[in-house]
Amino acid sequence: MTISGSSRATQDAAIQQSLRRFWGLTFFSLGILWGFGGLVYIPVAVLTSLRGGSIAEVVLIVSGGVLIFPASIWALYQRRAASLLLLTGGIILLAMASALPWMPFAQTFGAANRILTLSSGVVATALGLFGVVTEALRWPRLH
């Protein structure tokens, strides 16, 4: 009975590791998709929206894409370093996006554009926090 009990525990541990690896790959894959969107689609959407967008908005969104896209790929191989980069960069992007309405040269046009500028920092920070926490909990490597 103890042999089957330890076998069951080993099997459960293997399933837990597989699930953790799955969720890690899922979150960072979504980061790759979001980062790609920040590089390609979202800036075009901001510039061509009904009220248009400012160059500062586009720069923030593209900066988020430039940060999130490669860092999410890097996290698949070196989660700790990439997560710290995402966390630091996300906080900087959030600070810049929060200050955007008070900058004289960078007005935001509409709630949708405002949400998009803030979301770059939010997504980067969330991915960074996820990576830091999963690294601290010693989740399995993703590659």
Protein backbone atom coordinates (compact mmCIF):
# COMPACT_ATOMS: atom_id res chain seq x y z
CA MET A 1 0.00 0.00 0.00
CA THR A 2 2.84 2.43 0.69
CA ILE A 3 4.38 1.73 -2.70
CA SER A 4 1.20 2.71 -4.50
CA GLY A 5 0.82 5.69 -2.15
CA SER A 6 4.29 7.00 -2.95
CA SER A 7 3.69 6.27 -6.62
CA ARG A 8 0.50 8.31 -6.44
CA ALA A 9 2.33 11.18 -4.71
CA THR A 10 5.03 11.12 -7.40
CA GLN A 11 2.38 11.16 -10.11
CA ASP A 12 0.57 14.07 -8.44
CA ALA A 13 3.84 16.01 -8.17
CA ALA A 14 4.53 15.41 -11.86
CA ILE A 15 1.05 16.65 -12.76
CA GLN A 16 1.55 19.77 -10.61
CA GLN A 17 4.86 20.50 -12.35
CA SER A 18 3.22 20.04 -15.76
CA LEU A 19 0.40 22.43 -14.82
CA ARG A 20 2.86 25.03 -13.54
CA ARG A 21 4.87 24.78 -16.74
CA PHE A 22 1.67 25.08 -18.79
CA TRP A 23 0.56 28.24 -16.96
CA GLY A 24 4.01 29.78 -17.22
CA LEU A 25 4.11 29.14 -20.95
CA THR A 26 0.55 30.42 -21.33
CA PHE A 27 1.15 33.72 -19.52
CA PHE A 28 4.41 34.52 -21.28
CA SER A 29 2.93 33.47 -24.66
CA LEU A 30 0.13 35.96 -24.07
CA GLY A 31 2.86 38.49 -23.28
CA ILE A 32 4.49 37.73 -26.63
CA LEU A 33 1.17 38.32 -28.40
CA TRP A 34 0.49 41.54 -26.47
CA GLY A 35 4.00 42.81 -27.16
CA PHE A 36 3.63 42.07 -30.86
CA GLY A 37 0.31 43.93 -30.85
CA GLY A 38 2.03 46.86 -29.14
CA LEU A 39 4.60 46.94 -31.91
CA VAL A 40 2.21 46.61 -34.84
CA TYR A 41 -1.52 46.94 -34.31
CA ILE A 42 -2.19 49.13 -31.29
CA PRO A 43 -0.17 52.21 -32.43
CA VAL A 44 -2.03 52.19 -35.75
CA ALA A 45 -5.34 51.93 -33.88
CA VAL A 46 -4.43 54.90 -31.68
CA LEU A 47 -3.36 57.06 -34.60
CA THR A 48 -6.43 56.24 -36.67
CA SER A 49 -9.07 56.29 -33.92
CA LEU A 50 -11.96 58.74 -34.16
CA ARG A 51 -10.18 61.53 -32.29
CA GLY A 52 -6.65 60.54 -33.25
CA GLY A 53 -3.77 60.18 -30.86
CA SER A 54 -0.68 62.02 -29.84
CA ILE A 55 2.85 61.01 -30.67
CA ALA A 56 3.55 60.56 -26.94
CA GLU A 57 0.76 57.97 -26.72
CA VAL A 58 2.16 56.07 -29.65
CA VAL A 59 5.70 56.21 -28.21
CA LEU A 60 4.46 54.79 -24.89
CA ILE A 61 2.55 51.99 -26.58
CA VAL A 62 5.44 51.09 -28.88
CA SER A 63 7.82 51.23 -25.90
CA GLY A 64 5.58 48.72 -24.16
CA GLY A 65 5.75 46.46 -27.20
CA VAL A 66 9.51 46.84 -27.42
CA LEU A 67 9.76 45.85 -23.75
CA ILE A 68 7.12 43.11 -23.54
CA PHE A 69 7.71 41.22 -26.80
CA PRO A 70 11.40 40.29 -26.42
CA ALA A 71 11.28 40.08 -22.61
CA SER A 72 8.43 37.55 -22.78
CA ILE A 73 10.47 35.43 -25.18
CA TRP A 74 13.51 35.80 -22.93
CA ALA A 75 11.41 34.71 -19.92
CA LEU A 76 10.96 31.32 -21.54
CA TYR A 77 14.71 30.78 -21.08
CA GLN A 78 15.75 33.00 -18.16
CA ARG A 79 12.63 33.84 -16.19
CA ARG A 80 14.28 35.69 -13.29
CA ALA A 81 16.22 38.26 -15.33
CA ALA A 82 13.39 38.80 -17.82
CA SER A 83 10.85 39.20 -15.02
CA LEU A 84 12.95 41.80 -13.26
CA LEU A 85 13.28 43.69 -16.57
CA LEU A 86 9.52 43.48 -17.14
CA LEU A 87 8.76 44.61 -13.60
CA THR A 88 11.14 47.57 -13.70
CA GLY A 89 10.16 48.60 -17.22
CA GLY A 90 6.46 48.21 -16.44
CA ILE A 91 6.70 50.50 -13.44
CA ILE A 92 8.54 53.10 -15.53
CA LEU A 93 5.90 52.86 -18.28
CA LEU A 94 3.11 53.22 -15.73
CA ALA A 95 4.75 56.30 -14.26
CA MET A 96 5.17 57.84 -17.71
CA ALA A 97 1.59 57.00 -18.73
CA SER A 98 0.28 58.43 -15.46
CA ALA A 99 2.16 61.68 -16.06
CA LEU A 100 1.04 61.96 -19.68
CA PRO A 101 -2.07 64.12 -19.07
CA TRP A 102 0.03 66.79 -17.31
CA MET A 103 2.69 67.07 -19.99
CA PRO A 104 2.01 70.09 -22.21
CA PHE A 105 3.15 68.41 -25.44
CA ALA A 106 1.40 65.08 -24.91
CA GLN A 107 -2.34 65.24 -24.61
CA THR A 108 -4.39 62.09 -24.47
CA PHE A 109 -7.43 61.85 -26.68
CA GLY A 110 -10.27 59.80 -25.27
CA ALA A 111 -10.66 57.08 -22.69
CA ALA A 112 -9.71 54.27 -25.09
CA ASN A 113 -6.33 55.84 -25.84
CA ARG A 114 -5.76 56.50 -22.15
CA ILE A 115 -6.48 52.86 -21.33
CA LEU A 116 -4.12 51.68 -24.07
CA THR A 117 -1.27 53.85 -22.79
CA LEU A 118 -1.75 52.59 -19.24
CA SER A 119 -2.17 48.97 -20.33
CA SER A 120 1.38 48.72 -21.67
CA GLY A 121 2.74 49.35 -18.19
CA VAL A 122 0.09 47.24 -16.48
CA VAL A 123 0.76 44.21 -18.69
CA ALA A 124 4.55 44.49 -18.29
CA THR A 125 4.23 44.87 -14.52
CA ALA A 126 1.81 41.95 -14.24
CA LEU A 127 4.07 39.68 -16.31
CA GLY A 128 7.06 40.76 -14.23
CA LEU A 129 5.23 40.06 -10.97
CA PHE A 130 4.08 36.69 -12.26
CA GLY A 131 7.64 35.77 -13.21
CA VAL A 132 9.15 36.95 -9.92
CA VAL A 133 6.55 35.08 -7.86
CA THR A 134 6.82 31.87 -9.88
CA GLU A 135 10.61 32.03 -9.69
CA ALA A 136 10.42 32.48 -5.90
CA LEU A 137 8.06 29.49 -5.70
CA ARG A 138 10.57 27.50 -7.82
CA TRP A 139 8.23 26.67 -10.66
CA PRO A 140 9.87 24.54 -13.36
CA ARG A 141 11.87 26.03 -16.21
CA LEU A 142 9.81 26.85 -19.29
CA HIS A 143 12.12 25.71 -22.06
